[in-house]
PDB file of N, CA and C in Angstrom:
ATOM      1  N   MET A   1     180.114 -16.349-194.678  1.00  0.00           N
ATOM      2  CA  MET A   1     179.336 -15.133-194.790  1.00  0.00           C
ATOM      3  C   MET A   1     179.339 -14.426-193.427  1.00  0.00           C
ATOM      4  N   SER A   2     179.631 -13.137-193.440  1.00  0.00           N
ATOM      5  CA  SER A   2     179.685 -12.402-192.177  1.00  0.00           C
ATOM      6  C   SER A   2     178.277 -12.099-191.671  1.00  0.00           C
ATOM      7  N   ILE A   3     178.194 -11.774-190.406  1.00  0.00           N
ATOM      8  CA  ILE A   3     176.910 -11.456-189.794  1.00  0.00           C
ATOM      9  C   ILE A   3     176.261 -10.258-190.474  1.00  0.00           C
ATOM     10  N   ASN A   4     177.077  -9.266-190.881  1.00  0.00           N
ATOM     11  CA  ASN A   4     176.535  -8.086-191.555  1.00  0.00           C
ATOM     12  C   ASN A   4     175.877  -8.464-192.877  1.00  0.00           C
ATOM     13  N   ASN A   5     176.556  -9.294-193.663  1.00  0.00           N
ATOM     14  CA  ASN A   5     175.994  -9.724-194.938  1.00  0.00           C
ATOM     15  C   ASN A   5     174.723 -10.528-194.722  1.00  0.00           C
ATOM     16  N   LEU A   6     174.707 -11.363-193.716  1.00  0.00           N
ATOM     17  CA  LEU A   6     173.546 -12.179-193.425  1.00  0.00           C
ATOM     18  C   LEU A   6     172.360 -11.301-193.027  1.00  0.00           C
ATOM     19  N   LEU A   7     172.595 -10.298-192.209  1.00  0.00           N
ATOM     20  CA  LEU A   7     171.525  -9.381-191.810  1.00  0.00           C
ATOM     21  C   LEU A   7     170.950  -8.641-193.013  1.00  0.00           C
ATOM     22  N   VAL A   8     171.822  -8.141-193.858  1.00  0.00           N
ATOM     23  CA  VAL A   8     171.369  -7.417-195.043  1.00  0.00           C
ATOM     24  C   VAL A   8     170.598  -8.350-195.957  1.00  0.00           C
ATOM     25  N   GLU A   9     171.115  -9.525-196.148  1.00  0.00           N
ATOM     26  CA  GLU A   9     170.451 -10.507-197.013  1.00  0.00           C
ATOM     27  C   GLU A   9     169.051 -10.822-196.491  1.00  0.00           C
ATOM     28  N   LYS A  10     168.935 -11.048-195.210  1.00  0.00           N
ATOM     29  CA  LYS A  10     167.632 -11.354-194.607  1.00  0.00           C
ATOM     30  C   LYS A  10     166.690 -10.143-194.695  1.00  0.00           C
ATOM     31  N   ALA A  11     167.217  -8.963-194.469  1.00  0.00           N
ATOM     32  CA  ALA A  11     166.390  -7.757-194.544  1.00  0.00           C
ATOM     33  C   ALA A  11     165.849  -7.555-195.950  1.00  0.00           C
ATOM     34  N   LEU A  12     166.644  -7.850-196.957  1.00  0.00           N
ATOM     35  CA  LEU A  12     166.210  -7.691-198.337  1.00  0.00           C
ATOM     36  C   LEU A  12     165.135  -8.703-198.732  1.00  0.00           C
ATOM     37  N   GLU A  13     165.018  -9.767-197.986  1.00  0.00           N
ATOM     38  CA  GLU A  13     163.996 -10.778-198.254  1.00  0.00           C
ATOM     39  C   GLU A  13     162.633 -10.395-197.669  1.00  0.00           C
ATOM     40  N   LEU A  14     162.602  -9.380-196.832  1.00  0.00           N
ATOM     41  CA  LEU A  14     161.354  -8.965-196.196  1.00  0.00           C
ATOM     42  C   LEU A  14     160.381  -8.388-197.212  1.00  0.00           C
ATOM     43  N   LYS A  15     159.108  -8.466-196.873  1.00  0.00           N
ATOM     44  CA  LYS A  15     158.066  -7.825-197.671  1.00  0.00           C
ATOM     45  C   LYS A  15     158.199  -6.317-197.473  1.00  0.00           C
ATOM     46  N   PRO A  16     157.713  -5.519-198.440  1.00  0.00           N
ATOM     47  CA  PRO A  16     157.840  -4.061-198.318  1.00  0.00           C
ATOM     48  C   PRO A  16     157.345  -3.506-196.983  1.00  0.00           C
ATOM     49  N   GLN A  17     156.189  -3.939-196.519  1.00  0.00           N
ATOM     50  CA  GLN A  17     155.653  -3.430-195.249  1.00  0.00           C
ATOM     51  C   GLN A  17     156.561  -3.820-194.079  1.00  0.00           C
ATOM     52  N   GLU A  18     157.128  -5.009-194.123  1.00  0.00           N
ATOM     53  CA  GLU A  18     158.048  -5.449-193.060  1.00  0.00           C
ATOM     54  C   GLU A  18     159.331  -4.621-193.090  1.00  0.00           C
ATOM     55  N   LYS A  19     159.767  -4.248-194.292  1.00  0.00           N
ATOM     56  CA  LYS A  19     160.959  -3.398-194.417  1.00  0.00           C
ATOM     57  C   LYS A  19     160.707  -2.038-193.787  1.00  0.00           C
ATOM     58  N   ILE A  20     159.499  -1.506-194.004  1.00  0.00           N
ATOM     59  CA  ILE A  20     159.158  -0.206-193.425  1.00  0.00           C
ATOM     60  C   ILE A  20     159.194  -0.278-191.900  1.00  0.00           C
ATOM     61  N   VAL A  21     158.623  -1.334-191.345  1.00  0.00           N
ATOM     62  CA  VAL A  21     158.631  -1.505-189.887  1.00  0.00           C
ATOM     63  C   VAL A  21     160.068  -1.581-189.380  1.00  0.00           C
ATOM     64  N   LEU A  22     160.907  -2.336-190.069  1.00  0.00           N
ATOM     65  CA  LEU A  22     162.317  -2.471-189.680  1.00  0.00           C
ATOM     66  C   LEU A  22     163.035  -1.128-189.751  1.00  0.00           C
ATOM     67  N   ILE A  23     162.821  -0.405-190.840  1.00  0.00           N
ATOM     68  CA  ILE A  23     163.476   0.900-191.010  1.00  0.00           C
ATOM     69  C   ILE A  23     163.043   1.861-189.907  1.00  0.00           C
ATOM     70  N   GLU A  24     161.733   1.907-189.639  1.00  0.00           N
ATOM     71  CA  GLU A  24     161.238   2.801-188.581  1.00  0.00           C
ATOM     72  C   GLU A  24     161.830   2.439-187.224  1.00  0.00           C
ATOM     73  N   ALA A  25     161.949   1.157-186.949  1.00  0.00           N
ATOM     74  CA  ALA A  25     162.526   0.721-185.672  1.00  0.00           C
ATOM     75  C   ALA A  25     163.997   1.117-185.582  1.00  0.00           C
ATOM     76  N   LEU A  26     164.730   0.951-186.670  1.00  0.00           N
ATOM     77  CA  LEU A  26     166.154   1.303-186.670  1.00  0.00           C
ATOM     78  C   LEU A  26     166.351   2.810-186.509  1.00  0.00           C
ATOM     79  N   VAL A  27     165.593   3.593-187.268  1.00  0.00           N
ATOM     80  CA  VAL A  27     165.718   5.050-187.173  1.00  0.00           C
ATOM     81  C   VAL A  27     165.319   5.519-185.776  1.00  0.00           C
ATOM     82  N   SER A  28     164.250   4.967-185.263  1.00  0.00           N
ATOM     83  CA  SER A  28     163.796   5.334-183.925  1.00  0.00           C
ATOM     84  C   SER A  28     164.858   5.034-182.872  1.00  0.00           C
ATOM     85  N   SER A  29     165.569   3.929-183.044  1.00  0.00           N
ATOM     86  CA  SER A  29     166.598   3.573-182.070  1.00  0.00           C
ATOM     87  C   SER A  29     167.772   4.545-182.100  1.00  0.00           C
ATOM     88  N   LEU A  30     167.973   5.223-183.237  1.00  0.00           N
ATOM     89  CA  LEU A  30     169.064   6.185-183.360  1.00  0.00           C
ATOM     90  C   LEU A  30     168.652   7.583-182.929  1.00  0.00           C
ATOM     91  N   ASP A  31     167.359   7.830-182.895  1.00  0.00           N
ATOM     92  CA  ASP A  31     166.842   9.170-182.671  1.00  0.00           C
ATOM     93  C   ASP A  31     166.401   9.366-181.223  1.00  0.00           C
ATOM     94  N   LYS A  32     167.244   9.002-180.295  1.00  0.00           N
ATOM     95  CA  LYS A  32     166.939   9.170-178.875  1.00  0.00           C
ATOM     96  C   LYS A  32     167.453  10.529-178.415  1.00  0.00           C
ATOM     97  N   PRO A  33     166.535  11.394-177.959  1.00  0.00           N
ATOM     98  CA  PRO A  33     166.984  12.707-177.504  1.00  0.00           C
ATOM     99  C   PRO A  33     167.829  12.611-176.233  1.00  0.00           C
ATOM    100  N   ASP A  34     168.794  13.469-176.147  1.00  0.00           N
ATOM    101  CA  ASP A  34     169.634  13.558-174.961  1.00  0.00           C
ATOM    102  C   ASP A  34     168.880  14.398-173.934  1.00  0.00           C
ATOM    103  N   PRO A  35     168.521  13.836-172.791  1.00  0.00           N
ATOM    104  CA  PRO A  35     167.728  14.579-171.798  1.00  0.00           C
ATOM    105  C   PRO A  35     168.390  15.882-171.355  1.00  0.00           C
ATOM    106  N   GLU A  36     169.693  15.900-171.270  1.00  0.00           N
ATOM    107  CA  GLU A  36     170.391  17.116-170.837  1.00  0.00           C
ATOM    108  C   GLU A  36     170.276  18.215-171.888  1.00  0.00           C
ATOM    109  N   ILE A  37     170.412  17.855-173.158  1.00  0.00           N
ATOM    110  CA  ILE A  37     170.282  18.839-174.233  1.00  0.00           C
ATOM    111  C   ILE A  37     168.839  19.329-174.306  1.00  0.00           C
ATOM    112  N   ALA A  38     167.871  18.422-174.163  1.00  0.00           N
ATOM    113  CA  ALA A  38     166.460  18.815-174.175  1.00  0.00           C
ATOM    114  C   ALA A  38     166.174  19.805-173.041  1.00  0.00           C
ATOM    115  N   LYS A  39     166.766  19.580-171.880  1.00  0.00           N
ATOM    116  CA  LYS A  39     166.583  20.468-170.731  1.00  0.00           C
ATOM    117  C   LYS A  39     167.155  21.857-171.038  1.00  0.00           C
ATOM    118  N   ILE A  40     168.332  21.892-171.642  1.00  0.00           N
ATOM    119  CA  ILE A  40     168.973  23.169-171.981  1.00  0.00           C
ATOM    120  C   ILE A  40     168.134  23.938-172.998  1.00  0.00           C
ATOM    121  N   TRP A  41     167.613  23.229-174.031  1.00  0.00           N
ATOM    122  CA  TRP A  41     166.777  23.885-175.041  1.00  0.00           C
ATOM    123  C   TRP A  41     165.476  24.407-174.423  1.00  0.00           C
ATOM    124  N   LEU A  42     164.899  23.676-173.497  1.00  0.00           N
ATOM    125  CA  LEU A  42     163.681  24.127-172.833  1.00  0.00           C
ATOM    126  C   LEU A  42     163.962  25.411-172.048  1.00  0.00           C
ATOM    127  N   GLN A  43     165.074  25.444-171.336  1.00  0.00           N
ATOM    128  CA  GLN A  43     165.445  26.645-170.590  1.00  0.00           C
ATOM    129  C   GLN A  43     165.642  27.831-171.534  1.00  0.00           C
ATOM    130  N   GLU A  44     166.273  27.579-172.681  1.00  0.00           N
ATOM    131  CA  GLU A  44     166.500  28.638-173.665  1.00  0.00           C
ATOM    132  C   GLU A  44     165.178  29.156-174.220  1.00  0.00           C
ATOM    133  N   ALA A  45     164.268  28.232-174.556  1.00  0.00           N
ATOM    134  CA  ALA A  45     162.964  28.630-175.091  1.00  0.00           C
ATOM    135  C   ALA A  45     162.185  29.451-174.067  1.00  0.00           C
ATOM    136  N   GLU A  46     162.228  29.034-172.818  1.00  0.00           N
ATOM    137  CA  GLU A  46     161.528  29.766-171.767  1.00  0.00           C
ATOM    138  C   GLU A  46     162.133  31.161-171.572  1.00  0.00           C
ATOM    139  N   ALA A  47     163.449  31.255-171.647  1.00  0.00           N
ATOM    140  CA  ALA A  47     164.119  32.550-171.496  1.00  0.00           C
ATOM    141  C   ALA A  47     163.754  33.475-172.656  1.00  0.00           C
ATOM    142  N   ARG A  48     163.698  32.932-173.863  1.00  0.00           N
ATOM    143  CA  ARG A  48     163.333  33.751-175.030  1.00  0.00           C
ATOM    144  C   ARG A  48     161.887  34.226-174.934  1.00  0.00           C
ATOM    145  N   LEU A  49     160.983  33.345-174.500  1.00  0.00           N
ATOM    146  CA  LEU A  49     159.584  33.732-174.347  1.00  0.00           C
ATOM    147  C   LEU A  49     159.445  34.819-173.293  1.00  0.00           C
ATOM    148  N   LYS A  50     160.135  34.679-172.191  1.00  0.00           N
ATOM    149  CA  LYS A  50     160.091  35.686-171.122  1.00  0.00           C
ATOM    150  C   LYS A  50     160.603  37.029-171.646  1.00  0.00           C
ATOM    151  N   SER A  51     161.703  37.001-172.376  1.00  0.00           N
ATOM    152  CA  SER A  51     162.272  38.215-172.939  1.00  0.00           C
ATOM    153  C   SER A  51     161.283  38.887-173.889  1.00  0.00           C
ATOM    154  N   TYR A  52     160.615  38.079-174.709  1.00  0.00           N
ATOM    155  CA  TYR A  52     159.614  38.612-175.646  1.00  0.00           C
ATOM    156  C   TYR A  52     158.446  39.238-174.884  1.00  0.00           C
ATOM    157  N   ARG A  53     157.939  38.524-173.898  1.00  0.00           N
ATOM    158  CA  ARG A  53     156.784  39.023-173.128  1.00  0.00           C
ATOM    159  C   ARG A  53     157.114  40.286-172.350  1.00  0.00           C
ATOM    160  N   GLU A  54     158.360  40.438-171.944  1.00  0.00           N
ATOM    161  CA  GLU A  54     158.783  41.631-171.208  1.00  0.00           C
ATOM    162  C   GLU A  54     159.159  42.784-172.140  1.00  0.00           C
ATOM    163  N   GLY A  55     159.071  42.555-173.444  1.00  0.00           N
ATOM    164  CA  GLY A  55     159.381  43.602-174.409  1.00  0.00           C
ATOM    165  C   GLY A  55     160.866  43.819-174.630  1.00  0.00           C
ATOM    166  N   LYS A  56     161.682  42.908-174.160  1.00  0.00           N
ATOM    167  CA  LYS A  56     163.135  43.031-174.312  1.00  0.00           C
ATOM    168  C   LYS A  56     163.599  42.547-175.684  1.00  0.00           C
ATOM    169  N   SER A  57     162.761  41.806-176.363  1.00  0.00           N
ATOM    170  CA  SER A  57     163.064  41.357-177.722  1.00  0.00           C
ATOM    171  C   SER A  57     161.769  41.386-178.518  1.00  0.00           C
ATOM    172  N   LYS A  58     161.888  41.475-179.830  1.00  0.00           N
ATOM    173  CA  LYS A  58     160.678  41.505-180.626  1.00  0.00           C
ATOM    174  C   LYS A  58     160.649  40.306-181.565  1.00  0.00           C
ATOM    175  N   GLY A  59     159.455  39.925-181.909  1.00  0.00           N
ATOM    176  CA  GLY A  59     159.273  38.786-182.795  1.00  0.00           C
ATOM    177  C   GLY A  59     159.362  39.185-184.254  1.00  0.00           C
ATOM    178  N   ILE A  60     159.429  38.185-185.089  1.00  0.00           N
ATOM    179  CA  ILE A  60     159.422  38.389-186.534  1.00  0.00           C
ATOM    180  C   ILE A  60     158.174  37.692-187.059  1.00  0.00           C
ATOM    181  N   PRO A  61     157.335  38.388-187.815  1.00  0.00           N
ATOM    182  CA  PRO A  61     156.122  37.761-188.331  1.00  0.00           C
ATOM    183  C   PRO A  61     156.434  36.511-189.162  1.00  0.00           C
ATOM    184  N   ALA A  62     155.605  35.504-189.007  1.00  0.00           N
ATOM    185  CA  ALA A  62     155.820  34.230-189.725  1.00  0.00           C
ATOM    186  C   ALA A  62     155.886  34.453-191.224  1.00  0.00           C
ATOM    187  N   GLU A  63     155.060  35.353-191.748  1.00  0.00           N
ATOM    188  CA  GLU A  63     155.067  35.619-193.188  1.00  0.00           C
ATOM    189  C   GLU A  63     156.453  36.046-193.657  1.00  0.00           C
ATOM    190  N   GLU A  64     157.113  36.839-192.858  1.00  0.00           N
ATOM    191  CA  GLU A  64     158.457  37.315-193.209  1.00  0.00           C
ATOM    192  C   GLU A  64     159.465  36.163-193.191  1.00  0.00           C
ATOM    193  N   ILE A  65     159.352  35.300-192.209  1.00  0.00           N
ATOM    194  CA  ILE A  65     160.260  34.162-192.104  1.00  0.00           C
ATOM    195  C   ILE A  65     160.095  33.241-193.299  1.00  0.00           C
ATOM    196  N   PHE A  66     158.835  32.892-193.612  1.00  0.00           N
ATOM    197  CA  PHE A  66     158.586  31.963-194.713  1.00  0.00           C
ATOM    198  C   PHE A  66     158.905  32.579-196.062  1.00  0.00           C
ATOM    199  N   LYS A  67     158.765  33.899-196.171  1.00  0.00           N
ATOM    200  CA  LYS A  67     159.085  34.588-197.418  1.00  0.00           C
ATOM    201  C   LYS A  67     160.576  34.483-197.711  1.00  0.00           C
ATOM    202  N   GLU A  68     161.415  34.542-196.674  1.00  0.00           N
ATOM    203  CA  GLU A  68     162.862  34.474-196.837  1.00  0.00           C
ATOM    204  C   GLU A  68     163.305  33.135-197.395  1.00  0.00           C
ATOM    205  N   GLY A  69     162.559  32.074-197.086  1.00  0.00           N
ATOM    206  CA  GLY A  69     162.933  30.753-197.544  1.00  0.00           C
ATOM    207  C   GLY A  69     162.655  30.502-199.012  1.00  0.00           C
ATOM    208  N   LEU A  70     161.883  31.360-199.645  1.00  0.00           N
ATOM    209  CA  LEU A  70     161.521  31.150-201.051  1.00  0.00           C
ATOM    210  C   LEU A  70     162.534  31.690-201.998  1.00  0.00           C
TER     211      LEU A  70
END
């Protein structure tokens, strides 16, 4: 039996709550933000806010945004 099969077999033997903890831990381990990308997005957000506050760009009302999704 390969290690992969053994891991899956053992995971399937867990209680439901233990499975949830395992799943959350696995997903969390994959969802690590890249600090460089986070820095770039922060700079972009700050630039957009500055542009809005200076009147160089205008906002779109939330009602309009959410209406488009329906």
